mmCIF file of all heavy atoms, coordinates in Angstrom:
data_MODEL
# 
_entry.id   MODEL 
# 
loop_
_atom_site.group_PDB 
_atom_site.id 
_atom_site.type_symbol 
_atom_site.label_atom_id 
_atom_site.label_alt_id 
_atom_site.label_comp_id 
_atom_site.label_asym_id 
_atom_site.label_entity_id 
_atom_site.label_seq_id 
_atom_site.pdbx_PDB_ins_code 
_atom_site.Cartn_x 
_atom_site.Cartn_y 
_atom_site.Cartn_z 
_atom_site.occupancy 
_atom_site.B_iso_or_equiv 
_atom_site.pdbx_formal_charge 
_atom_site.auth_seq_id 
_atom_site.auth_comp_id 
_atom_site.auth_asym_id 
_atom_site.auth_atom_id 
_atom_site.pdbx_PDB_model_num 
ATOM 1   N N   . LYS A 1 1  ? -4.130  -18.763 -17.214 1.00 0.00 ? 1  LYS A N   1 
ATOM 2   C CA  . LYS A 1 1  ? -3.823  -19.099 -15.826 1.00 0.00 ? 1  LYS A CA  1 
ATOM 3   C C   . LYS A 1 1  ? -5.010  -18.901 -14.875 1.00 0.00 ? 1  LYS A C   1 
ATOM 4   O O   . LYS A 1 1  ? -4.879  -19.191 -13.679 1.00 0.00 ? 1  LYS A O   1 
ATOM 5   C CB  . LYS A 1 1  ? -2.599  -18.375 -15.329 1.00 0.00 ? 1  LYS A CB  1 
ATOM 6   C CG  . LYS A 1 1  ? -1.299  -18.712 -16.082 1.00 0.00 ? 1  LYS A CG  1 
ATOM 7   C CD  . LYS A 1 1  ? -0.133  -17.966 -15.467 1.00 0.00 ? 1  LYS A CD  1 
ATOM 8   C CE  . LYS A 1 1  ? 1.137   -18.363 -16.165 1.00 0.00 ? 1  LYS A CE  1 
ATOM 9   N NZ  . LYS A 1 1  ? 2.326   -17.646 -15.613 1.00 0.00 ? 1  LYS A NZ  1 
ATOM 10  N N   . ASN A 1 2  ? -6.105  -18.346 -15.345 1.00 0.00 ? 2  ASN A N   1 
ATOM 11  C CA  . ASN A 1 2  ? -7.260  -18.060 -14.515 1.00 0.00 ? 2  ASN A CA  1 
ATOM 12  C C   . ASN A 1 2  ? -6.878  -17.222 -13.313 1.00 0.00 ? 2  ASN A C   1 
ATOM 13  O O   . ASN A 1 2  ? -7.256  -17.492 -12.162 1.00 0.00 ? 2  ASN A O   1 
ATOM 14  C CB  . ASN A 1 2  ? -7.958  -19.322 -14.049 1.00 0.00 ? 2  ASN A CB  1 
ATOM 15  C CG  . ASN A 1 2  ? -8.691  -20.018 -15.170 1.00 0.00 ? 2  ASN A CG  1 
ATOM 16  O OD1 . ASN A 1 2  ? -8.811  -19.490 -16.258 1.00 0.00 ? 2  ASN A OD1 1 
ATOM 17  N ND2 . ASN A 1 2  ? -9.096  -21.245 -14.899 1.00 0.00 ? 2  ASN A ND2 1 
ATOM 18  N N   . THR A 1 3  ? -6.079  -16.176 -13.568 1.00 0.00 ? 3  THR A N   1 
ATOM 19  C CA  . THR A 1 3  ? -5.584  -15.332 -12.501 1.00 0.00 ? 3  THR A CA  1 
ATOM 20  C C   . THR A 1 3  ? -5.723  -13.852 -12.879 1.00 0.00 ? 3  THR A C   1 
ATOM 21  O O   . THR A 1 3  ? -5.467  -13.491 -14.036 1.00 0.00 ? 3  THR A O   1 
ATOM 22  C CB  . THR A 1 3  ? -4.092  -15.694 -12.237 1.00 0.00 ? 3  THR A CB  1 
ATOM 23  O OG1 . THR A 1 3  ? -4.004  -17.076 -11.874 1.00 0.00 ? 3  THR A OG1 1 
ATOM 24  C CG2 . THR A 1 3  ? -3.531  -14.837 -11.106 1.00 0.00 ? 3  THR A CG2 1 
ATOM 25  N N   . VAL A 1 4  ? -6.080  -13.073 -11.944 1.00 0.00 ? 4  VAL A N   1 
ATOM 26  C CA  . VAL A 1 4  ? -6.081  -11.612 -12.059 1.00 0.00 ? 4  VAL A CA  1 
ATOM 27  C C   . VAL A 1 4  ? -5.040  -11.014 -11.102 1.00 0.00 ? 4  VAL A C   1 
ATOM 28  O O   . VAL A 1 4  ? -4.852  -11.577 -10.013 1.00 0.00 ? 4  VAL A O   1 
ATOM 29  C CB  . VAL A 1 4  ? -7.486  -11.021 -11.835 1.00 0.00 ? 4  VAL A CB  1 
ATOM 30  C CG1 . VAL A 1 4  ? -7.983  -11.277 -10.428 1.00 0.00 ? 4  VAL A CG1 1 
ATOM 31  C CG2 . VAL A 1 4  ? -7.494  -9.538  -12.176 1.00 0.00 ? 4  VAL A CG2 1 
ATOM 32  N N   . TYR A 1 5  ? -4.399  -9.971  -11.549 1.00 0.00 ? 5  TYR A N   1 
ATOM 33  C CA  . TYR A 1 5  ? -3.299  -9.381  -10.764 1.00 0.00 ? 5  TYR A CA  1 
ATOM 34  C C   . TYR A 1 5  ? -3.603  -7.909  -10.503 1.00 0.00 ? 5  TYR A C   1 
ATOM 35  O O   . TYR A 1 5  ? -4.356  -7.303  -11.240 1.00 0.00 ? 5  TYR A O   1 
ATOM 36  C CB  . TYR A 1 5  ? -2.007  -9.464  -11.573 1.00 0.00 ? 5  TYR A CB  1 
ATOM 37  C CG  . TYR A 1 5  ? -1.620  -10.866 -11.969 1.00 0.00 ? 5  TYR A CG  1 
ATOM 38  C CD1 . TYR A 1 5  ? -2.024  -11.373 -13.214 1.00 0.00 ? 5  TYR A CD1 1 
ATOM 39  C CD2 . TYR A 1 5  ? -0.813  -11.667 -11.134 1.00 0.00 ? 5  TYR A CD2 1 
ATOM 40  C CE1 . TYR A 1 5  ? -1.694  -12.659 -13.616 1.00 0.00 ? 5  TYR A CE1 1 
ATOM 41  C CE2 . TYR A 1 5  ? -0.518  -12.990 -11.500 1.00 0.00 ? 5  TYR A CE2 1 
ATOM 42  C CZ  . TYR A 1 5  ? -0.880  -13.445 -12.740 1.00 0.00 ? 5  TYR A CZ  1 
ATOM 43  O OH  . TYR A 1 5  ? -0.508  -14.679 -13.113 1.00 0.00 ? 5  TYR A OH  1 
ATOM 44  N N   . LEU A 1 6  ? -2.933  -7.403  -9.458  1.00 0.00 ? 6  LEU A N   1 
ATOM 45  C CA  . LEU A 1 6  ? -2.943  -5.980  -9.164  1.00 0.00 ? 6  LEU A CA  1 
ATOM 46  C C   . LEU A 1 6  ? -1.540  -5.608  -8.858  1.00 0.00 ? 6  LEU A C   1 
ATOM 47  O O   . LEU A 1 6  ? -0.986  -5.948  -7.814  1.00 0.00 ? 6  LEU A O   1 
ATOM 48  C CB  . LEU A 1 6  ? -3.882  -5.617  -8.032  1.00 0.00 ? 6  LEU A CB  1 
ATOM 49  C CG  . LEU A 1 6  ? -4.057  -4.116  -7.739  1.00 0.00 ? 6  LEU A CG  1 
ATOM 50  C CD1 . LEU A 1 6  ? -4.824  -3.483  -8.900  1.00 0.00 ? 6  LEU A CD1 1 
ATOM 51  C CD2 . LEU A 1 6  ? -4.760  -3.910  -6.407  1.00 0.00 ? 6  LEU A CD2 1 
ATOM 52  N N   . GLN A 1 7  ? -0.917  -4.879  -9.809  1.00 0.00 ? 7  GLN A N   1 
ATOM 53  C CA  . GLN A 1 7  ? 0.423   -4.370  -9.606  1.00 0.00 ? 7  GLN A CA  1 
ATOM 54  C C   . GLN A 1 7  ? 0.280   -3.012  -8.936  1.00 0.00 ? 7  GLN A C   1 
ATOM 55  O O   . GLN A 1 7  ? -0.358  -2.087  -9.404  1.00 0.00 ? 7  GLN A O   1 
ATOM 56  C CB  . GLN A 1 7  ? 1.142   -4.209  -10.898 1.00 0.00 ? 7  GLN A CB  1 
ATOM 57  C CG  . GLN A 1 7  ? 2.553   -3.596  -10.774 1.00 0.00 ? 7  GLN A CG  1 
ATOM 58  C CD  . GLN A 1 7  ? 3.465   -4.459  -10.065 1.00 0.00 ? 7  GLN A CD  1 
ATOM 59  O OE1 . GLN A 1 7  ? 3.536   -5.732  -10.249 1.00 0.00 ? 7  GLN A OE1 1 
ATOM 60  N NE2 . GLN A 1 7  ? 4.320   -3.893  -9.177  1.00 0.00 ? 7  GLN A NE2 1 
ATOM 61  N N   . MET A 1 8  ? 0.900   -2.887  -7.760  1.00 0.00 ? 8  MET A N   1 
ATOM 62  C CA  . MET A 1 8  ? 0.737   -1.643  -6.966  1.00 0.00 ? 8  MET A CA  1 
ATOM 63  C C   . MET A 1 8  ? 2.113   -1.030  -6.769  1.00 0.00 ? 8  MET A C   1 
ATOM 64  O O   . MET A 1 8  ? 3.029   -1.654  -6.161  1.00 0.00 ? 8  MET A O   1 
ATOM 65  C CB  . MET A 1 8  ? 0.168   -1.987  -5.555  1.00 0.00 ? 8  MET A CB  1 
ATOM 66  C CG  . MET A 1 8  ? -1.149  -2.758  -5.645  1.00 0.00 ? 8  MET A CG  1 
ATOM 67  S SD  . MET A 1 8  ? -1.946  -2.918  -4.044  1.00 0.00 ? 8  MET A SD  1 
ATOM 68  C CE  . MET A 1 8  ? -0.786  -4.025  -3.237  1.00 0.00 ? 8  MET A CE  1 
ATOM 69  N N   . ASN A 1 9  ? 2.295   0.154   -7.318  1.00 0.00 ? 9  ASN A N   1 
ATOM 70  C CA  . ASN A 1 9  ? 3.562   0.861   -7.222  1.00 0.00 ? 9  ASN A CA  1 
ATOM 71  C C   . ASN A 1 9  ? 3.357   2.203   -6.413  1.00 0.00 ? 9  ASN A C   1 
ATOM 72  O O   . ASN A 1 9  ? 2.210   2.626   -6.227  1.00 0.00 ? 9  ASN A O   1 
ATOM 73  C CB  . ASN A 1 9  ? 4.062   1.248   -8.584  1.00 0.00 ? 9  ASN A CB  1 
ATOM 74  C CG  . ASN A 1 9  ? 4.337   0.001   -9.428  1.00 0.00 ? 9  ASN A CG  1 
ATOM 75  O OD1 . ASN A 1 9  ? 4.744   -1.050  -8.903  1.00 0.00 ? 9  ASN A OD1 1 
ATOM 76  N ND2 . ASN A 1 9  ? 4.200   0.154   -10.762 1.00 0.00 ? 9  ASN A ND2 1 
ATOM 77  N N   . SER A 1 10 ? 4.442   2.768   -5.966  1.00 0.00 ? 10 SER A N   1 
ATOM 78  C CA  . SER A 1 10 ? 4.374   4.053   -5.228  1.00 0.00 ? 10 SER A CA  1 
ATOM 79  C C   . SER A 1 10 ? 3.385   3.960   -4.097  1.00 0.00 ? 10 SER A C   1 
ATOM 80  O O   . SER A 1 10 ? 2.544   4.855   -3.947  1.00 0.00 ? 10 SER A O   1 
ATOM 81  C CB  . SER A 1 10 ? 4.084   5.240   -6.193  1.00 0.00 ? 10 SER A CB  1 
ATOM 82  O OG  . SER A 1 10 ? 4.998   5.271   -7.227  1.00 0.00 ? 10 SER A OG  1 
ATOM 83  N N   . LEU A 1 11 ? 3.444   2.899   -3.359  1.00 0.00 ? 11 LEU A N   1 
ATOM 84  C CA  . LEU A 1 11 ? 2.456   2.665   -2.263  1.00 0.00 ? 11 LEU A CA  1 
ATOM 85  C C   . LEU A 1 11 ? 2.571   3.751   -1.214  1.00 0.00 ? 11 LEU A C   1 
ATOM 86  O O   . LEU A 1 11 ? 3.641   4.262   -0.894  1.00 0.00 ? 11 LEU A O   1 
ATOM 87  C CB  . LEU A 1 11 ? 2.652   1.291   -1.659  1.00 0.00 ? 11 LEU A CB  1 
ATOM 88  C CG  . LEU A 1 11 ? 2.059   0.170   -2.538  1.00 0.00 ? 11 LEU A CG  1 
ATOM 89  C CD1 . LEU A 1 11 ? 2.680   -1.189  -2.220  1.00 0.00 ? 11 LEU A CD1 1 
ATOM 90  C CD2 . LEU A 1 11 ? 0.547   0.158   -2.399  1.00 0.00 ? 11 LEU A CD2 1 
ATOM 91  N N   . LYS A 1 12 ? 1.409   4.098   -0.638  1.00 0.00 ? 12 LYS A N   1 
ATOM 92  C CA  . LYS A 1 12 ? 1.281   5.078   0.397   1.00 0.00 ? 12 LYS A CA  1 
ATOM 93  C C   . LYS A 1 12 ? 0.678   4.451   1.657   1.00 0.00 ? 12 LYS A C   1 
ATOM 94  O O   . LYS A 1 12 ? -0.061  3.442   1.553   1.00 0.00 ? 12 LYS A O   1 
ATOM 95  C CB  . LYS A 1 12 ? 0.346   6.216   -0.111  1.00 0.00 ? 12 LYS A CB  1 
ATOM 96  C CG  . LYS A 1 12 ? 0.781   6.892   -1.390  1.00 0.00 ? 12 LYS A CG  1 
ATOM 97  C CD  . LYS A 1 12 ? -0.282  7.898   -1.840  1.00 0.00 ? 12 LYS A CD  1 
ATOM 98  C CE  . LYS A 1 12 ? 0.132   8.509   -3.168  1.00 0.00 ? 12 LYS A CE  1 
ATOM 99  N NZ  . LYS A 1 12 ? -0.892  9.519   -3.636  1.00 0.00 ? 12 LYS A NZ  1 
ATOM 100 N N   . PRO A 1 13 ? 0.844   5.051   2.791   1.00 0.00 ? 13 PRO A N   1 
ATOM 101 C CA  . PRO A 1 13 ? 0.249   4.517   4.026   1.00 0.00 ? 13 PRO A CA  1 
ATOM 102 C C   . PRO A 1 13 ? -1.259  4.346   3.884   1.00 0.00 ? 13 PRO A C   1 
ATOM 103 O O   . PRO A 1 13 ? -1.849  3.419   4.442   1.00 0.00 ? 13 PRO A O   1 
ATOM 104 C CB  . PRO A 1 13 ? 0.634   5.546   5.082   1.00 0.00 ? 13 PRO A CB  1 
ATOM 105 C CG  . PRO A 1 13 ? 1.960   6.074   4.613   1.00 0.00 ? 13 PRO A CG  1 
ATOM 106 C CD  . PRO A 1 13 ? 1.810   6.107   3.099   1.00 0.00 ? 13 PRO A CD  1 
ATOM 107 N N   . GLU A 1 14 ? -1.893  5.257   3.177   1.00 0.00 ? 14 GLU A N   1 
ATOM 108 C CA  . GLU A 1 14 ? -3.358  5.205   3.009   1.00 0.00 ? 14 GLU A CA  1 
ATOM 109 C C   . GLU A 1 14 ? -3.839  4.073   2.101   1.00 0.00 ? 14 GLU A C   1 
ATOM 110 O O   . GLU A 1 14 ? -5.011  3.817   2.024   1.00 0.00 ? 14 GLU A O   1 
ATOM 111 C CB  . GLU A 1 14 ? -3.926  6.509   2.453   1.00 0.00 ? 14 GLU A CB  1 
ATOM 112 C CG  . GLU A 1 14 ? -3.226  7.080   1.223   1.00 0.00 ? 14 GLU A CG  1 
ATOM 113 C CD  . GLU A 1 14 ? -2.162  8.039   1.587   1.00 0.00 ? 14 GLU A CD  1 
ATOM 114 O OE1 . GLU A 1 14 ? -1.377  7.890   2.517   1.00 0.00 ? 14 GLU A OE1 1 
ATOM 115 O OE2 . GLU A 1 14 ? -2.082  9.107   0.861   1.00 0.00 ? 14 GLU A OE2 1 
ATOM 116 N N   . ASP A 1 15 ? -2.875  3.367   1.493   1.00 0.00 ? 15 ASP A N   1 
ATOM 117 C CA  . ASP A 1 15 ? -3.240  2.147   0.751   1.00 0.00 ? 15 ASP A CA  1 
ATOM 118 C C   . ASP A 1 15 ? -3.361  0.931   1.661   1.00 0.00 ? 15 ASP A C   1 
ATOM 119 O O   . ASP A 1 15 ? -3.777  -0.133  1.224   1.00 0.00 ? 15 ASP A O   1 
ATOM 120 C CB  . ASP A 1 15 ? -2.180  1.828   -0.324  1.00 0.00 ? 15 ASP A CB  1 
ATOM 121 C CG  . ASP A 1 15 ? -2.121  2.917   -1.412  1.00 0.00 ? 15 ASP A CG  1 
ATOM 122 O OD1 . ASP A 1 15 ? -3.194  3.355   -1.861  1.00 0.00 ? 15 ASP A OD1 1 
ATOM 123 O OD2 . ASP A 1 15 ? -0.979  3.268   -1.785  1.00 0.00 ? 15 ASP A OD2 1 
ATOM 124 N N   . THR A 1 16 ? -3.036  1.067   2.916   1.00 0.00 ? 16 THR A N   1 
ATOM 125 C CA  . THR A 1 16 ? -3.143  -0.008  3.926   1.00 0.00 ? 16 THR A CA  1 
ATOM 126 C C   . THR A 1 16 ? -4.564  -0.489  4.015   1.00 0.00 ? 16 THR A C   1 
ATOM 127 O O   . THR A 1 16 ? -5.479  0.336   4.295   1.00 0.00 ? 16 THR A O   1 
ATOM 128 C CB  . THR A 1 16 ? -2.601  0.394   5.279   1.00 0.00 ? 16 THR A CB  1 
ATOM 129 O OG1 . THR A 1 16 ? -1.223  0.706   5.168   1.00 0.00 ? 16 THR A OG1 1 
ATOM 130 C CG2 . THR A 1 16 ? -2.832  -0.649  6.318   1.00 0.00 ? 16 THR A CG2 1 
ATOM 131 N N   . ALA A 1 17 ? -4.823  -1.775  3.777   1.00 0.00 ? 17 ALA A N   1 
ATOM 132 C CA  . ALA A 1 17 ? -6.158  -2.314  3.806   1.00 0.00 ? 17 ALA A CA  1 
ATOM 133 C C   . ALA A 1 17 ? -6.117  -3.842  3.562   1.00 0.00 ? 17 ALA A C   1 
ATOM 134 O O   . ALA A 1 17 ? -4.991  -4.373  3.212   1.00 0.00 ? 17 ALA A O   1 
ATOM 135 C CB  . ALA A 1 17 ? -7.021  -1.677  2.748   1.00 0.00 ? 17 ALA A CB  1 
ATOM 136 N N   . VAL A 1 18 ? -7.185  -4.480  3.725   1.00 0.00 ? 18 VAL A N   1 
ATOM 137 C CA  . VAL A 1 18 ? -7.326  -5.855  3.213   1.00 0.00 ? 18 VAL A CA  1 
ATOM 138 C C   . VAL A 1 18 ? -7.889  -5.712  1.803   1.00 0.00 ? 18 VAL A C   1 
ATOM 139 O O   . VAL A 1 18 ? -8.838  -5.030  1.579   1.00 0.00 ? 18 VAL A O   1 
ATOM 140 C CB  . VAL A 1 18 ? -8.304  -6.681  4.114   1.00 0.00 ? 18 VAL A CB  1 
ATOM 141 C CG1 . VAL A 1 18 ? -8.472  -8.066  3.557   1.00 0.00 ? 18 VAL A CG1 1 
ATOM 142 C CG2 . VAL A 1 18 ? -7.789  -6.746  5.542   1.00 0.00 ? 18 VAL A CG2 1 
ATOM 143 N N   . TYR A 1 19 ? -7.207  -6.428  0.899   1.00 0.00 ? 19 TYR A N   1 
ATOM 144 C CA  . TYR A 1 19 ? -7.562  -6.355  -0.503  1.00 0.00 ? 19 TYR A CA  1 
ATOM 145 C C   . TYR A 1 19 ? -8.309  -7.685  -0.899  1.00 0.00 ? 19 TYR A C   1 
ATOM 146 O O   . TYR A 1 19 ? -7.781  -8.784  -0.612  1.00 0.00 ? 19 TYR A O   1 
ATOM 147 C CB  . TYR A 1 19 ? -6.292  -6.179  -1.376  1.00 0.00 ? 19 TYR A CB  1 
ATOM 148 C CG  . TYR A 1 19 ? -5.807  -4.752  -1.365  1.00 0.00 ? 19 TYR A CG  1 
ATOM 149 C CD1 . TYR A 1 19 ? -5.195  -4.218  -0.182  1.00 0.00 ? 19 TYR A CD1 1 
ATOM 150 C CD2 . TYR A 1 19 ? -5.908  -3.945  -2.433  1.00 0.00 ? 19 TYR A CD2 1 
ATOM 151 C CE1 . TYR A 1 19 ? -4.755  -2.919  -0.127  1.00 0.00 ? 19 TYR A CE1 1 
ATOM 152 C CE2 . TYR A 1 19 ? -5.472  -2.594  -2.431  1.00 0.00 ? 19 TYR A CE2 1 
ATOM 153 C CZ  . TYR A 1 19 ? -4.883  -2.094  -1.241  1.00 0.00 ? 19 TYR A CZ  1 
ATOM 154 O OH  . TYR A 1 19 ? -4.475  -0.827  -1.195  1.00 0.00 ? 19 TYR A OH  1 
ATOM 155 N N   . TYR A 1 20 ? -9.392  -7.461  -1.548  1.00 0.00 ? 20 TYR A N   1 
ATOM 156 C CA  . TYR A 1 20 ? -10.273 -8.558  -1.949  1.00 0.00 ? 20 TYR A CA  1 
ATOM 157 C C   . TYR A 1 20 ? -10.420 -8.652  -3.469  1.00 0.00 ? 20 TYR A C   1 
ATOM 158 O O   . TYR A 1 20 ? -10.550 -7.619  -4.150  1.00 0.00 ? 20 TYR A O   1 
ATOM 159 C CB  . TYR A 1 20 ? -11.650 -8.412  -1.338  1.00 0.00 ? 20 TYR A CB  1 
ATOM 160 C CG  . TYR A 1 20 ? -11.699 -8.415  0.154   1.00 0.00 ? 20 TYR A CG  1 
ATOM 161 C CD1 . TYR A 1 20 ? -11.640 -7.206  0.856   1.00 0.00 ? 20 TYR A CD1 1 
ATOM 162 C CD2 . TYR A 1 20 ? -11.873 -9.598  0.874   1.00 0.00 ? 20 TYR A CD2 1 
ATOM 163 C CE1 . TYR A 1 20 ? -11.650 -7.250  2.259   1.00 0.00 ? 20 TYR A CE1 1 
ATOM 164 C CE2 . TYR A 1 20 ? -11.945 -9.584  2.260   1.00 0.00 ? 20 TYR A CE2 1 
ATOM 165 C CZ  . TYR A 1 20 ? -11.831 -8.479  2.910   1.00 0.00 ? 20 TYR A CZ  1 
ATOM 166 O OH  . TYR A 1 20 ? -11.919 -8.435  4.319   1.00 0.00 ? 20 TYR A OH  1 
ATOM 167 N N   . CYS A 1 21 ? -10.459 -9.868  -3.934  1.00 0.00 ? 21 CYS A N   1 
ATOM 168 C CA  . CYS A 1 21 ? -10.702 -10.141 -5.323  1.00 0.00 ? 21 CYS A CA  1 
ATOM 169 C C   . CYS A 1 21 ? -12.212 -10.407 -5.517  1.00 0.00 ? 21 CYS A C   1 
ATOM 170 O O   . CYS A 1 21 ? -12.783 -11.085 -4.653  1.00 0.00 ? 21 CYS A O   1 
ATOM 171 C CB  . CYS A 1 21 ? -9.879  -11.311 -5.768  1.00 0.00 ? 21 CYS A CB  1 
ATOM 172 S SG  . CYS A 1 21 ? -10.143 -11.991 -7.366  1.00 0.00 ? 21 CYS A SG  1 
ATOM 173 N N   . GLN A 1 22 ? -12.810 -9.949  -6.606  1.00 0.00 ? 22 GLN A N   1 
ATOM 174 C CA  . GLN A 1 22 ? -14.187 -10.202 -6.856  1.00 0.00 ? 22 GLN A CA  1 
ATOM 175 C C   . GLN A 1 22 ? -14.414 -10.626 -8.329  1.00 0.00 ? 22 GLN A C   1 
ATOM 176 O O   . GLN A 1 22 ? -13.835 -10.058 -9.207  1.00 0.00 ? 22 GLN A O   1 
ATOM 177 C CB  . GLN A 1 22 ? -15.033 -8.949  -6.628  1.00 0.00 ? 22 GLN A CB  1 
ATOM 178 C CG  . GLN A 1 22 ? -16.560 -9.135  -6.844  1.00 0.00 ? 22 GLN A CG  1 
ATOM 179 C CD  . GLN A 1 22 ? -17.244 -7.872  -7.248  1.00 0.00 ? 22 GLN A CD  1 
ATOM 180 O OE1 . GLN A 1 22 ? -17.034 -7.355  -8.355  1.00 0.00 ? 22 GLN A OE1 1 
ATOM 181 N NE2 . GLN A 1 22 ? -18.073 -7.328  -6.366  1.00 0.00 ? 22 GLN A NE2 1 
ATOM 182 N N   . ALA A 1 23 ? -15.264 -11.641 -8.516  1.00 0.00 ? 23 ALA A N   1 
ATOM 183 C CA  . ALA A 1 23 ? -15.628 -12.098 -9.855  1.00 0.00 ? 23 ALA A CA  1 
ATOM 184 C C   . ALA A 1 23 ? -17.083 -11.713 -10.037 1.00 0.00 ? 23 ALA A C   1 
ATOM 185 O O   . ALA A 1 23 ? -17.936 -11.927 -9.119  1.00 0.00 ? 23 ALA A O   1 
ATOM 186 C CB  . ALA A 1 23 ? -15.400 -13.578 -10.052 1.00 0.00 ? 23 ALA A CB  1 
ATOM 187 N N   . ASN A 1 24 ? -17.467 -11.226 -11.197 1.00 0.00 ? 24 ASN A N   1 
ATOM 188 C CA  . ASN A 1 24 ? -18.798 -10.685 -11.432 1.00 0.00 ? 24 ASN A CA  1 
ATOM 189 C C   . ASN A 1 24 ? -19.328 -11.045 -12.792 1.00 0.00 ? 24 ASN A C   1 
ATOM 190 O O   . ASN A 1 24 ? -18.756 -10.633 -13.810 1.00 0.00 ? 24 ASN A O   1 
ATOM 191 C CB  . ASN A 1 24 ? -18.751 -9.168  -11.255 1.00 0.00 ? 24 ASN A CB  1 
ATOM 192 C CG  . ASN A 1 24 ? -20.156 -8.537  -11.379 1.00 0.00 ? 24 ASN A CG  1 
ATOM 193 O OD1 . ASN A 1 24 ? -21.165 -9.221  -11.571 1.00 0.00 ? 24 ASN A OD1 1 
ATOM 194 N ND2 . ASN A 1 24 ? -20.214 -7.209  -11.237 1.00 0.00 ? 24 ASN A ND2 1 
ATOM 195 N N   . ARG A 1 25 ? -20.353 -11.863 -12.843 1.00 0.00 ? 25 ARG A N   1 
ATOM 196 C CA  . ARG A 1 25 ? -21.120 -12.064 -14.046 1.00 0.00 ? 25 ARG A CA  1 
ATOM 197 C C   . ARG A 1 25 ? -22.476 -12.565 -13.578 1.00 0.00 ? 25 ARG A C   1 
ATOM 198 O O   . ARG A 1 25 ? -22.685 -13.761 -13.403 1.00 0.00 ? 25 ARG A O   1 
ATOM 199 C CB  . ARG A 1 25 ? -20.438 -13.100 -14.941 1.00 0.00 ? 25 ARG A CB  1 
ATOM 200 C CG  . ARG A 1 25 ? -21.205 -13.224 -16.235 1.00 0.00 ? 25 ARG A CG  1 
ATOM 201 C CD  . ARG A 1 25 ? -20.730 -14.416 -17.038 1.00 0.00 ? 25 ARG A CD  1 
ATOM 202 N NE  . ARG A 1 25 ? -21.492 -14.593 -18.279 1.00 0.00 ? 25 ARG A NE  1 
ATOM 203 C CZ  . ARG A 1 25 ? -21.591 -15.683 -18.945 1.00 0.00 ? 25 ARG A CZ  1 
ATOM 204 N NH1 . ARG A 1 25 ? -20.917 -16.740 -18.591 1.00 0.00 ? 25 ARG A NH1 1 
ATOM 205 N NH2 . ARG A 1 25 ? -22.250 -15.754 -20.075 1.00 0.00 ? 25 ARG A NH2 1 
# 
């Protein structure tokens, strides 16, 4: 599917942010 995922559990207030995906090669 050409997709990467981030499953986030037990979230905390300090996890508040803008989340970015990066491809690297």
